[in-house]
Each structure stands twice: as structure tokens, then as C-alpha cells.
N, C-alpha and C. Protein backbone atom coordinates (compact mmCIF):
# COMPACT_ATOMS: atom_id res chain seq x y z
N MET A 1 -3.82 3.91 -33.28
CA MET A 1 -2.37 3.74 -33.23
C MET A 1 -1.80 4.05 -34.62
N PRO A 2 -0.78 4.90 -34.69
CA PRO A 2 -0.20 5.23 -35.98
C PRO A 2 0.46 4.01 -36.64
N THR A 3 0.45 3.99 -37.97
CA THR A 3 1.02 2.87 -38.71
C THR A 3 2.49 2.65 -38.37
N TRP A 4 3.25 3.76 -38.26
CA TRP A 4 4.68 3.62 -37.97
C TRP A 4 4.89 2.88 -36.65
N PHE A 5 3.98 3.10 -35.68
CA PHE A 5 4.16 2.43 -34.40
C PHE A 5 3.74 0.97 -34.47
N GLU A 6 2.70 0.67 -35.25
CA GLU A 6 2.32 -0.73 -35.47
C GLU A 6 3.48 -1.49 -36.10
N ASP A 7 4.14 -0.85 -37.07
CA ASP A 7 5.30 -1.48 -37.72
C ASP A 7 6.40 -1.74 -36.70
N TRP A 8 6.64 -0.76 -35.82
CA TRP A 8 7.68 -0.94 -34.81
C TRP A 8 7.30 -2.03 -33.81
N LEU A 9 6.06 -2.03 -33.35
CA LEU A 9 5.63 -3.06 -32.40
C LEU A 9 5.81 -4.46 -32.96
N ARG A 10 5.51 -4.62 -34.23
CA ARG A 10 5.69 -5.92 -34.89
C ARG A 10 7.18 -6.30 -34.91
N ALA A 11 8.03 -5.35 -35.28
CA ALA A 11 9.48 -5.61 -35.33
C ALA A 11 10.04 -5.90 -33.94
N GLU A 12 9.66 -5.07 -32.98
CA GLU A 12 10.15 -5.23 -31.61
C GLU A 12 9.68 -6.55 -31.01
N GLY A 13 8.41 -6.89 -31.22
CA GLY A 13 7.85 -8.11 -30.65
C GLY A 13 8.48 -9.38 -31.20
N GLY A 14 8.95 -9.34 -32.44
CA GLY A 14 9.58 -10.52 -33.04
C GLY A 14 11.09 -10.48 -33.05
N ALA A 15 11.66 -9.46 -32.44
CA ALA A 15 13.11 -9.27 -32.50
C ALA A 15 13.87 -10.34 -31.73
N GLN A 16 14.99 -10.73 -32.29
CA GLN A 16 15.94 -11.58 -31.59
C GLN A 16 17.04 -10.74 -30.95
N SER A 17 17.21 -9.52 -31.50
CA SER A 17 18.14 -8.58 -30.89
C SER A 17 17.61 -7.17 -31.08
N LEU A 18 17.89 -6.34 -30.08
CA LEU A 18 17.52 -4.93 -30.11
C LEU A 18 18.75 -4.11 -29.73
N ARG A 19 19.00 -3.08 -30.52
CA ARG A 19 20.04 -2.11 -30.19
C ARG A 19 19.34 -0.77 -30.00
N ILE A 20 19.57 -0.16 -28.86
CA ILE A 20 18.85 1.07 -28.50
C ILE A 20 19.86 2.14 -28.11
N TRP A 21 19.75 3.29 -28.76
CA TRP A 21 20.55 4.46 -28.38
C TRP A 21 19.58 5.52 -27.87
N SER A 22 19.82 6.01 -26.67
CA SER A 22 18.94 7.01 -26.09
C SER A 22 19.74 8.12 -25.43
N PRO A 23 19.79 9.30 -26.08
CA PRO A 23 20.54 10.40 -25.50
C PRO A 23 19.74 11.29 -24.55
N THR A 24 18.41 11.06 -24.43
CA THR A 24 17.61 11.97 -23.61
C THR A 24 16.76 11.31 -22.53
N LEU A 25 16.27 10.09 -22.77
CA LEU A 25 15.33 9.45 -21.86
C LEU A 25 15.67 7.97 -21.66
N ILE A 26 15.19 7.41 -20.55
CA ILE A 26 15.24 5.96 -20.39
C ILE A 26 14.30 5.38 -21.44
N PRO A 27 14.75 4.42 -22.24
CA PRO A 27 13.87 3.84 -23.27
C PRO A 27 12.66 3.12 -22.67
N GLY A 28 11.57 3.10 -23.42
CA GLY A 28 10.32 2.53 -22.96
C GLY A 28 10.44 1.13 -22.41
N LEU A 29 11.28 0.29 -23.00
CA LEU A 29 11.41 -1.09 -22.53
C LEU A 29 12.00 -1.20 -21.13
N LEU A 30 12.61 -0.13 -20.65
CA LEU A 30 13.24 -0.17 -19.33
C LEU A 30 12.55 0.74 -18.32
N GLN A 31 11.50 1.45 -18.72
CA GLN A 31 10.86 2.43 -17.86
C GLN A 31 9.99 1.80 -16.77
N THR A 32 9.92 2.50 -15.64
CA THR A 32 8.94 2.16 -14.61
C THR A 32 7.60 2.79 -15.02
N ALA A 33 6.55 2.34 -14.39
CA ALA A 33 5.22 2.90 -14.68
C ALA A 33 5.18 4.40 -14.37
N GLU A 34 5.77 4.81 -13.27
CA GLU A 34 5.70 6.22 -12.88
C GLU A 34 6.55 7.11 -13.80
N TYR A 35 7.67 6.61 -14.26
CA TYR A 35 8.49 7.36 -15.22
C TYR A 35 7.70 7.54 -16.52
N ALA A 36 7.10 6.46 -17.00
CA ALA A 36 6.28 6.53 -18.22
C ALA A 36 5.12 7.49 -18.02
N ARG A 37 4.47 7.41 -16.88
CA ARG A 37 3.33 8.30 -16.59
C ARG A 37 3.76 9.77 -16.67
N ALA A 38 4.89 10.10 -16.08
CA ALA A 38 5.38 11.49 -16.11
C ALA A 38 5.64 11.95 -17.55
N LEU A 39 6.20 11.06 -18.36
CA LEU A 39 6.44 11.41 -19.77
C LEU A 39 5.14 11.63 -20.51
N PHE A 40 4.19 10.72 -20.34
CA PHE A 40 2.90 10.85 -21.05
C PHE A 40 2.15 12.10 -20.59
N LEU A 41 2.21 12.44 -19.33
CA LEU A 41 1.55 13.64 -18.85
C LEU A 41 2.15 14.89 -19.50
N ALA A 42 3.44 14.85 -19.78
CA ALA A 42 4.10 16.00 -20.39
C ALA A 42 3.81 16.15 -21.88
N GLU A 43 3.48 15.05 -22.56
CA GLU A 43 3.37 15.12 -24.02
C GLU A 43 1.95 14.97 -24.56
N GLN A 44 1.02 14.49 -23.77
CA GLN A 44 -0.33 14.23 -24.27
C GLN A 44 -1.27 15.41 -24.04
N THR A 45 -2.26 15.54 -24.92
CA THR A 45 -3.28 16.57 -24.70
C THR A 45 -4.41 16.04 -23.83
N ASP A 46 -4.69 14.74 -23.91
CA ASP A 46 -5.70 14.13 -23.04
C ASP A 46 -4.96 13.54 -21.84
N THR A 47 -4.98 14.27 -20.74
CA THR A 47 -4.26 13.84 -19.55
C THR A 47 -5.18 13.24 -18.49
N SER A 48 -6.34 12.76 -18.93
CA SER A 48 -7.25 12.11 -17.99
C SER A 48 -6.58 10.84 -17.45
N ASP A 49 -7.01 10.43 -16.28
CA ASP A 49 -6.44 9.22 -15.67
C ASP A 49 -6.60 8.01 -16.59
N ASP A 50 -7.77 7.91 -17.25
CA ASP A 50 -8.02 6.77 -18.14
C ASP A 50 -7.06 6.77 -19.33
N ALA A 51 -6.89 7.94 -19.96
CA ALA A 51 -6.03 8.02 -21.14
C ALA A 51 -4.58 7.73 -20.78
N ILE A 52 -4.09 8.36 -19.72
CA ILE A 52 -2.70 8.15 -19.32
C ILE A 52 -2.50 6.72 -18.82
N GLY A 53 -3.46 6.22 -18.09
CA GLY A 53 -3.37 4.84 -17.60
C GLY A 53 -3.28 3.84 -18.74
N ALA A 54 -4.04 4.06 -19.80
CA ALA A 54 -4.00 3.15 -20.96
C ALA A 54 -2.64 3.19 -21.65
N LEU A 55 -2.07 4.39 -21.76
CA LEU A 55 -0.75 4.51 -22.39
C LEU A 55 0.33 3.83 -21.54
N VAL A 56 0.26 4.03 -20.25
CA VAL A 56 1.24 3.40 -19.35
C VAL A 56 1.11 1.89 -19.43
N GLU A 57 -0.11 1.38 -19.41
CA GLU A 57 -0.34 -0.07 -19.49
C GLU A 57 0.21 -0.64 -20.79
N ALA A 58 -0.01 0.07 -21.89
CA ALA A 58 0.52 -0.39 -23.18
C ALA A 58 2.04 -0.41 -23.16
N ARG A 59 2.66 0.59 -22.56
CA ARG A 59 4.12 0.62 -22.46
C ARG A 59 4.62 -0.56 -21.65
N LEU A 60 3.99 -0.83 -20.52
CA LEU A 60 4.43 -1.94 -19.66
C LEU A 60 4.21 -3.29 -20.33
N GLN A 61 3.15 -3.43 -21.11
CA GLN A 61 2.92 -4.68 -21.83
C GLN A 61 4.03 -4.95 -22.83
N ARG A 62 4.56 -3.90 -23.46
CA ARG A 62 5.67 -4.09 -24.40
C ARG A 62 6.87 -4.73 -23.70
N GLN A 63 7.05 -4.43 -22.43
CA GLN A 63 8.19 -4.96 -21.68
C GLN A 63 8.11 -6.47 -21.48
N GLY A 64 6.97 -7.06 -21.79
CA GLY A 64 6.81 -8.50 -21.67
C GLY A 64 7.79 -9.29 -22.52
N ILE A 65 8.31 -8.70 -23.59
CA ILE A 65 9.28 -9.42 -24.41
C ILE A 65 10.55 -9.74 -23.63
N LEU A 66 10.82 -8.96 -22.58
CA LEU A 66 12.01 -9.20 -21.77
C LEU A 66 11.85 -10.40 -20.84
N ASP A 67 10.61 -10.83 -20.65
CA ASP A 67 10.34 -11.95 -19.74
C ASP A 67 9.93 -13.23 -20.45
N ARG A 68 9.90 -13.20 -21.77
CA ARG A 68 9.48 -14.42 -22.47
C ARG A 68 10.59 -15.47 -22.40
N ALA A 69 10.25 -16.70 -22.76
CA ALA A 69 11.19 -17.82 -22.64
C ALA A 69 12.46 -17.61 -23.45
N ASP A 70 12.34 -17.01 -24.62
CA ASP A 70 13.50 -16.74 -25.48
C ASP A 70 13.55 -15.23 -25.75
N PRO A 71 13.99 -14.45 -24.74
CA PRO A 71 13.97 -13.00 -24.90
C PRO A 71 15.02 -12.53 -25.91
N PRO A 72 14.82 -11.35 -26.47
CA PRO A 72 15.83 -10.82 -27.38
C PRO A 72 17.08 -10.41 -26.61
N ASP A 73 18.21 -10.43 -27.29
CA ASP A 73 19.41 -9.83 -26.74
C ASP A 73 19.24 -8.32 -26.90
N VAL A 74 19.40 -7.59 -25.82
CA VAL A 74 19.15 -6.16 -25.82
C VAL A 74 20.42 -5.43 -25.39
N VAL A 75 20.84 -4.47 -26.21
CA VAL A 75 21.95 -3.60 -25.86
C VAL A 75 21.42 -2.18 -25.88
N VAL A 76 21.48 -1.52 -24.73
CA VAL A 76 21.01 -0.15 -24.59
C VAL A 76 22.22 0.72 -24.26
N VAL A 77 22.37 1.80 -25.01
CA VAL A 77 23.41 2.77 -24.71
C VAL A 77 22.71 4.08 -24.37
N LEU A 78 23.01 4.60 -23.19
CA LEU A 78 22.42 5.84 -22.71
C LEU A 78 23.47 6.93 -22.64
N ASP A 79 23.10 8.14 -22.97
CA ASP A 79 23.95 9.28 -22.66
C ASP A 79 23.82 9.53 -21.16
N GLU A 80 24.90 9.90 -20.51
CA GLU A 80 24.86 10.11 -19.06
C GLU A 80 23.80 11.14 -18.65
N MET A 81 23.49 12.08 -19.51
CA MET A 81 22.51 13.10 -19.17
C MET A 81 21.14 12.50 -18.86
N VAL A 82 20.86 11.31 -19.39
CA VAL A 82 19.60 10.62 -19.08
C VAL A 82 19.48 10.39 -17.58
N LEU A 83 20.60 10.12 -16.93
CA LEU A 83 20.60 9.82 -15.51
C LEU A 83 20.33 11.06 -14.66
N HIS A 84 20.57 12.23 -15.22
CA HIS A 84 20.48 13.49 -14.47
C HIS A 84 19.24 14.31 -14.80
N ARG A 85 18.49 13.93 -15.83
CA ARG A 85 17.30 14.69 -16.25
C ARG A 85 16.12 14.30 -15.37
N LEU A 86 15.57 15.26 -14.65
CA LEU A 86 14.43 15.00 -13.78
C LEU A 86 13.19 14.71 -14.60
N ILE A 87 12.67 13.51 -14.44
CA ILE A 87 11.39 13.10 -15.03
C ILE A 87 10.51 12.71 -13.86
N GLY A 88 9.40 13.41 -13.68
CA GLY A 88 8.53 13.13 -12.55
C GLY A 88 9.07 13.80 -11.30
N SER A 89 9.52 13.01 -10.37
CA SER A 89 10.04 13.50 -9.09
C SER A 89 11.38 12.83 -8.81
N PRO A 90 12.11 13.30 -7.79
CA PRO A 90 13.34 12.60 -7.42
C PRO A 90 13.10 11.11 -7.13
N GLN A 91 12.00 10.79 -6.46
CA GLN A 91 11.71 9.38 -6.16
C GLN A 91 11.46 8.58 -7.44
N VAL A 92 10.75 9.18 -8.40
CA VAL A 92 10.51 8.51 -9.69
C VAL A 92 11.85 8.24 -10.37
N MET A 93 12.74 9.22 -10.35
CA MET A 93 14.06 9.03 -10.98
C MET A 93 14.86 7.95 -10.27
N HIS A 94 14.87 8.00 -8.94
CA HIS A 94 15.61 6.98 -8.19
C HIS A 94 15.13 5.58 -8.55
N ASP A 95 13.82 5.39 -8.49
CA ASP A 95 13.25 4.08 -8.78
C ASP A 95 13.50 3.65 -10.22
N ALA A 96 13.42 4.60 -11.14
CA ALA A 96 13.65 4.28 -12.56
C ALA A 96 15.09 3.84 -12.79
N LEU A 97 16.04 4.54 -12.19
CA LEU A 97 17.44 4.18 -12.38
C LEU A 97 17.78 2.85 -11.70
N VAL A 98 17.20 2.60 -10.54
CA VAL A 98 17.42 1.31 -9.88
C VAL A 98 16.87 0.19 -10.77
N GLN A 99 15.71 0.40 -11.38
CA GLN A 99 15.15 -0.63 -12.26
C GLN A 99 16.08 -0.87 -13.46
N VAL A 100 16.61 0.19 -14.05
CA VAL A 100 17.53 0.02 -15.18
C VAL A 100 18.74 -0.81 -14.74
N ALA A 101 19.29 -0.48 -13.58
CA ALA A 101 20.45 -1.23 -13.07
C ALA A 101 20.10 -2.69 -12.83
N GLU A 102 18.92 -2.95 -12.27
CA GLU A 102 18.50 -4.33 -12.02
C GLU A 102 18.30 -5.10 -13.32
N LEU A 103 17.66 -4.46 -14.30
CA LEU A 103 17.46 -5.13 -15.58
C LEU A 103 18.80 -5.44 -16.25
N SER A 104 19.78 -4.57 -16.05
CA SER A 104 21.09 -4.78 -16.69
C SER A 104 21.85 -5.97 -16.11
N GLN A 105 21.34 -6.55 -15.05
CA GLN A 105 21.97 -7.74 -14.49
C GLN A 105 21.53 -9.02 -15.19
N ARG A 106 20.46 -8.92 -15.98
CA ARG A 106 20.05 -10.09 -16.76
C ARG A 106 21.11 -10.34 -17.83
N PRO A 107 21.43 -11.59 -18.10
CA PRO A 107 22.51 -11.88 -19.04
C PRO A 107 22.25 -11.39 -20.46
N TYR A 108 21.01 -11.21 -20.84
CA TYR A 108 20.67 -10.81 -22.21
C TYR A 108 20.36 -9.32 -22.34
N ILE A 109 20.57 -8.55 -21.26
CA ILE A 109 20.37 -7.11 -21.31
C ILE A 109 21.66 -6.41 -20.89
N VAL A 110 22.22 -5.65 -21.81
CA VAL A 110 23.42 -4.86 -21.54
C VAL A 110 23.01 -3.41 -21.56
N VAL A 111 23.37 -2.67 -20.52
CA VAL A 111 23.15 -1.23 -20.49
C VAL A 111 24.51 -0.58 -20.29
N GLN A 112 24.84 0.34 -21.17
CA GLN A 112 26.10 1.06 -21.08
C GLN A 112 25.81 2.55 -21.12
N VAL A 113 26.66 3.32 -20.47
CA VAL A 113 26.48 4.76 -20.38
C VAL A 113 27.68 5.46 -21.01
N VAL A 114 27.37 6.43 -21.86
CA VAL A 114 28.41 7.30 -22.44
C VAL A 114 28.60 8.46 -21.47
N PRO A 115 29.79 8.60 -20.88
CA PRO A 115 30.00 9.68 -19.92
C PRO A 115 29.83 11.06 -20.57
N ALA A 116 29.22 11.97 -19.83
CA ALA A 116 29.01 13.33 -20.33
C ALA A 116 30.35 14.00 -20.62
N SER A 117 31.38 13.62 -19.90
CA SER A 117 32.70 14.23 -20.09
C SER A 117 33.31 13.91 -21.45
N ASN A 118 32.73 12.93 -22.17
CA ASN A 118 33.23 12.61 -23.51
C ASN A 118 32.91 13.70 -24.52
N GLY A 119 31.93 14.54 -24.22
CA GLY A 119 31.55 15.60 -25.16
C GLY A 119 30.69 15.05 -26.28
N ALA A 120 30.90 15.57 -27.48
CA ALA A 120 30.09 15.19 -28.64
C ALA A 120 30.30 13.73 -28.99
N ASN A 121 29.23 13.12 -29.52
CA ASN A 121 29.35 11.75 -30.01
C ASN A 121 28.48 11.58 -31.25
N ALA A 122 28.60 10.44 -31.88
CA ALA A 122 27.94 10.19 -33.17
C ALA A 122 26.43 10.06 -33.07
N GLY A 123 25.87 10.00 -31.86
CA GLY A 123 24.44 9.77 -31.73
C GLY A 123 23.64 10.97 -31.24
N LEU A 124 24.25 12.12 -31.15
CA LEU A 124 23.55 13.26 -30.59
C LEU A 124 22.44 13.80 -31.48
N GLY A 125 22.31 13.27 -32.70
CA GLY A 125 21.22 13.67 -33.58
C GLY A 125 19.87 13.17 -33.14
N GLY A 126 19.83 12.18 -32.26
CA GLY A 126 18.55 11.69 -31.76
C GLY A 126 18.57 10.22 -31.43
N ALA A 127 17.54 9.81 -30.70
CA ALA A 127 17.41 8.42 -30.27
C ALA A 127 16.95 7.55 -31.43
N PHE A 128 17.35 6.28 -31.38
CA PHE A 128 16.87 5.31 -32.37
C PHE A 128 16.98 3.91 -31.80
N TYR A 129 16.21 3.02 -32.42
CA TYR A 129 16.13 1.62 -32.01
C TYR A 129 16.27 0.78 -33.27
N ILE A 130 17.03 -0.31 -33.17
CA ILE A 130 17.19 -1.23 -34.30
C ILE A 130 16.76 -2.62 -33.82
N ALA A 131 15.81 -3.22 -34.55
CA ALA A 131 15.34 -4.56 -34.24
C ALA A 131 15.81 -5.51 -35.34
N ALA A 132 16.32 -6.67 -34.94
CA ALA A 132 16.79 -7.66 -35.90
C ALA A 132 16.25 -9.03 -35.54
N ALA A 133 15.93 -9.79 -36.59
CA ALA A 133 15.49 -11.18 -36.43
C ALA A 133 15.87 -11.92 -37.70
N ASP A 134 16.09 -13.23 -37.58
CA ASP A 134 16.46 -14.04 -38.74
C ASP A 134 15.38 -13.99 -39.81
N GLY A 135 15.82 -13.85 -41.05
CA GLY A 135 14.92 -13.99 -42.18
C GLY A 135 14.09 -12.76 -42.53
N ILE A 136 14.23 -11.68 -41.78
CA ILE A 136 13.49 -10.46 -42.13
C ILE A 136 14.45 -9.27 -42.07
N PRO A 137 14.15 -8.22 -42.83
CA PRO A 137 15.02 -7.04 -42.79
C PRO A 137 15.02 -6.39 -41.41
N GLU A 138 16.16 -5.81 -41.05
CA GLU A 138 16.22 -5.06 -39.80
C GLU A 138 15.28 -3.86 -39.90
N ALA A 139 14.69 -3.52 -38.76
CA ALA A 139 13.80 -2.37 -38.70
C ALA A 139 14.44 -1.30 -37.82
N LEU A 140 14.27 -0.07 -38.23
CA LEU A 140 14.83 1.07 -37.52
C LEU A 140 13.68 1.99 -37.11
N GLN A 141 13.64 2.36 -35.85
CA GLN A 141 12.71 3.39 -35.40
C GLN A 141 13.54 4.59 -35.01
N MET A 142 13.25 5.72 -35.65
CA MET A 142 13.93 6.98 -35.34
C MET A 142 12.95 7.84 -34.54
N VAL A 143 13.41 8.33 -33.41
CA VAL A 143 12.57 9.06 -32.49
C VAL A 143 12.62 10.55 -32.83
N GLY A 144 11.45 11.16 -32.86
CA GLY A 144 11.35 12.59 -33.14
C GLY A 144 9.99 13.11 -32.74
N VAL A 145 9.62 14.24 -33.32
CA VAL A 145 8.30 14.80 -33.03
C VAL A 145 7.24 13.76 -33.33
N GLU A 146 7.37 13.09 -34.46
CA GLU A 146 6.58 11.90 -34.75
C GLU A 146 7.57 10.84 -35.19
N ASP A 147 7.66 9.78 -34.42
CA ASP A 147 8.64 8.74 -34.71
C ASP A 147 8.40 8.16 -36.11
N HIS A 148 9.44 7.53 -36.63
CA HIS A 148 9.37 6.96 -37.97
C HIS A 148 10.01 5.58 -37.94
N THR A 149 9.33 4.58 -38.48
CA THR A 149 9.88 3.23 -38.58
C THR A 149 10.13 2.91 -40.04
N THR A 150 11.31 2.35 -40.31
CA THR A 150 11.67 2.02 -41.69
C THR A 150 12.54 0.78 -41.73
N GLU A 151 12.56 0.13 -42.87
CA GLU A 151 13.48 -0.98 -43.13
C GLU A 151 14.48 -0.59 -44.21
N LYS A 152 14.49 0.67 -44.59
CA LYS A 152 15.38 1.15 -45.65
C LYS A 152 16.83 0.87 -45.26
N ARG A 153 17.49 0.05 -46.07
CA ARG A 153 18.85 -0.44 -45.75
C ARG A 153 19.83 0.68 -45.46
N SER A 154 19.82 1.74 -46.27
CA SER A 154 20.81 2.80 -46.07
C SER A 154 20.63 3.49 -44.72
N LEU A 155 19.39 3.69 -44.28
CA LEU A 155 19.16 4.31 -42.98
C LEU A 155 19.50 3.37 -41.83
N VAL A 156 19.14 2.09 -41.97
CA VAL A 156 19.47 1.11 -40.94
C VAL A 156 20.99 1.02 -40.79
N ARG A 157 21.69 1.02 -41.92
CA ARG A 157 23.16 0.93 -41.89
C ARG A 157 23.77 2.15 -41.20
N LYS A 158 23.26 3.35 -41.53
CA LYS A 158 23.78 4.57 -40.89
C LYS A 158 23.54 4.53 -39.38
N ALA A 159 22.36 4.08 -38.98
CA ALA A 159 22.06 3.99 -37.55
C ALA A 159 22.96 2.95 -36.87
N ALA A 160 23.21 1.83 -37.53
CA ALA A 160 24.07 0.78 -36.96
C ALA A 160 25.49 1.30 -36.77
N VAL A 161 25.98 2.07 -37.72
CA VAL A 161 27.33 2.66 -37.60
C VAL A 161 27.36 3.65 -36.44
N ALA A 162 26.34 4.50 -36.34
CA ALA A 162 26.27 5.47 -35.24
C ALA A 162 26.20 4.73 -33.90
N PHE A 163 25.40 3.65 -33.86
CA PHE A 163 25.29 2.87 -32.62
C PHE A 163 26.65 2.31 -32.21
N ASP A 164 27.36 1.73 -33.16
CA ASP A 164 28.68 1.17 -32.84
C ASP A 164 29.64 2.24 -32.34
N ARG A 165 29.55 3.42 -32.92
CA ARG A 165 30.43 4.51 -32.49
C ARG A 165 30.10 4.97 -31.07
N VAL A 166 28.82 5.18 -30.77
CA VAL A 166 28.49 5.63 -29.42
C VAL A 166 28.76 4.53 -28.40
N ARG A 167 28.52 3.30 -28.79
CA ARG A 167 28.82 2.20 -27.86
C ARG A 167 30.32 2.12 -27.59
N GLY A 168 31.13 2.44 -28.60
CA GLY A 168 32.57 2.47 -28.41
C GLY A 168 33.01 3.53 -27.41
N ASP A 169 32.21 4.59 -27.26
CA ASP A 169 32.50 5.66 -26.31
C ASP A 169 31.96 5.38 -24.91
N ALA A 170 31.19 4.31 -24.75
CA ALA A 170 30.50 4.03 -23.49
C ALA A 170 31.39 3.30 -22.50
N LEU A 171 31.03 3.46 -21.24
CA LEU A 171 31.68 2.70 -20.17
C LEU A 171 31.32 1.23 -20.31
N PRO A 172 32.16 0.33 -19.80
CA PRO A 172 31.80 -1.10 -19.80
C PRO A 172 30.53 -1.33 -18.96
N ARG A 173 29.97 -2.49 -19.11
CA ARG A 173 28.70 -2.85 -18.48
C ARG A 173 28.69 -2.64 -16.96
N ASP A 174 29.67 -3.20 -16.25
CA ASP A 174 29.69 -3.09 -14.79
C ASP A 174 29.93 -1.65 -14.33
N ALA A 175 30.82 -0.94 -14.99
CA ALA A 175 31.08 0.46 -14.64
C ALA A 175 29.84 1.31 -14.92
N SER A 176 29.11 0.98 -15.97
CA SER A 176 27.86 1.70 -16.27
C SER A 176 26.83 1.47 -15.17
N ARG A 177 26.67 0.21 -14.75
CA ARG A 177 25.73 -0.11 -13.68
C ARG A 177 26.11 0.63 -12.41
N ASP A 178 27.40 0.65 -12.09
CA ASP A 178 27.86 1.36 -10.90
C ASP A 178 27.53 2.85 -10.98
N LEU A 179 27.72 3.45 -12.15
CA LEU A 179 27.41 4.88 -12.32
C LEU A 179 25.90 5.13 -12.18
N ILE A 180 25.09 4.27 -12.77
CA ILE A 180 23.63 4.42 -12.67
C ILE A 180 23.20 4.39 -11.21
N LEU A 181 23.70 3.43 -10.45
CA LEU A 181 23.32 3.31 -9.05
C LEU A 181 23.88 4.47 -8.21
N LYS A 182 25.06 4.93 -8.54
CA LYS A 182 25.65 6.08 -7.84
C LYS A 182 24.79 7.31 -8.03
N VAL A 183 24.37 7.59 -9.26
CA VAL A 183 23.53 8.76 -9.52
C VAL A 183 22.18 8.58 -8.83
N ALA A 184 21.62 7.37 -8.88
CA ALA A 184 20.34 7.11 -8.21
C ALA A 184 20.41 7.44 -6.73
N ASP A 185 21.49 7.00 -6.08
CA ASP A 185 21.62 7.19 -4.64
C ASP A 185 22.08 8.59 -4.25
N GLU A 186 23.02 9.16 -4.99
CA GLU A 186 23.58 10.46 -4.60
C GLU A 186 22.74 11.64 -5.06
N ARG A 187 22.08 11.50 -6.20
CA ARG A 187 21.33 12.65 -6.72
C ARG A 187 19.83 12.56 -6.45
N TRP A 188 19.26 11.34 -6.50
CA TRP A 188 17.81 11.22 -6.48
C TRP A 188 17.21 10.60 -5.23
N LYS A 189 18.02 9.95 -4.40
CA LYS A 189 17.45 9.28 -3.23
C LYS A 189 16.96 10.32 -2.23
N SER A 190 15.73 10.15 -1.80
CA SER A 190 15.12 11.12 -0.84
C SER A 190 15.56 10.82 0.58
């Protein structure tokens, strides 16, 4: 496991709040097993059942923070294009979007969608995650060819500003959930 990811796992696991901006994919904390499997099959060189299965299991184990007694407050902002990008099959997409909508009903998980009709926004440079907890510096994971985790204040601050801007462009929580379910049923339901 790369050091940058160990650093992120530590920050994510101890987080009291998470802010997630994702312009291209459903974030790992909200993915179904089949959605994650499709992503890993597309990006890994070892696509054996064992290798992919281990990656999927590790991804699903990370989601355990959402079920702990004192879960973090999670705010996820998605670009609408995430809802329309085929990952796996239509059924995989339908199930993944329904899961996102269901998770967004938990009081500590907010999912908002930035409509595609808004055009350009402050987050189109790439996905990022910000983890915060009392008494430790905020951690930022920037997603790219090889993700990077840092606590550098200037980068965390820039990401926080970008997050606030894209969230300001997003639909409210209930309207976002309605849009997610509409796309799931109208575009992906078999």
C-alpha cells in the first residue's frame, strides 16, 4: 500500500467530518461492490478474481466508518456527469445511484449534485477529499494518476475554498436526491 494512501486511511478513519468533491466518479465511501469492481478492472494490471476481490473488499471495509457509533459528518458534492457516466453496466449504475440516494437519507450524510447546466465550476480541476478531526491538522487527498495526501495548510485552504464554491453551485439535498433517483430510473433501470 502506498504511503500516501496509508496517510489518507488514517485521516479518513479518524475523521469527524469529511468533505468530498467528485466531478467524475461516485466516491469510494459511497460505492457498491460492483461499481468498485468495474473501476478496479479498468485500472489494474492484475485483474485476477483474487486481486480485484481484495481491492473491492478493502474499499467496502473503508465504508465501515459510516456505520460506527459516532460516524463522521460527510458532505459529498457530485458533478451531474457522475450520474450519467456508465461504469460497469446499466444495472451497476442503477444500483450504485440508488445506494447513493439511500445513504443520503442518513442525517450525517449530505449528497448534493452540481447540475451540468451550470457549466464550469471551481472544482473541475479534479476530485479531492478533506478530512477533519479535533486536535489534528486537516488532511487533503487530491485524486490523480497517483493520488496525493497532504496536510499542507495552503493546499487544504485552496481545496476548502473550491469545495465551498462548488457546493454553492449545487442543488439542495432533497432536490439532489430526487435527481439521482430520476437518473437511476430513467437512464439506467433495465
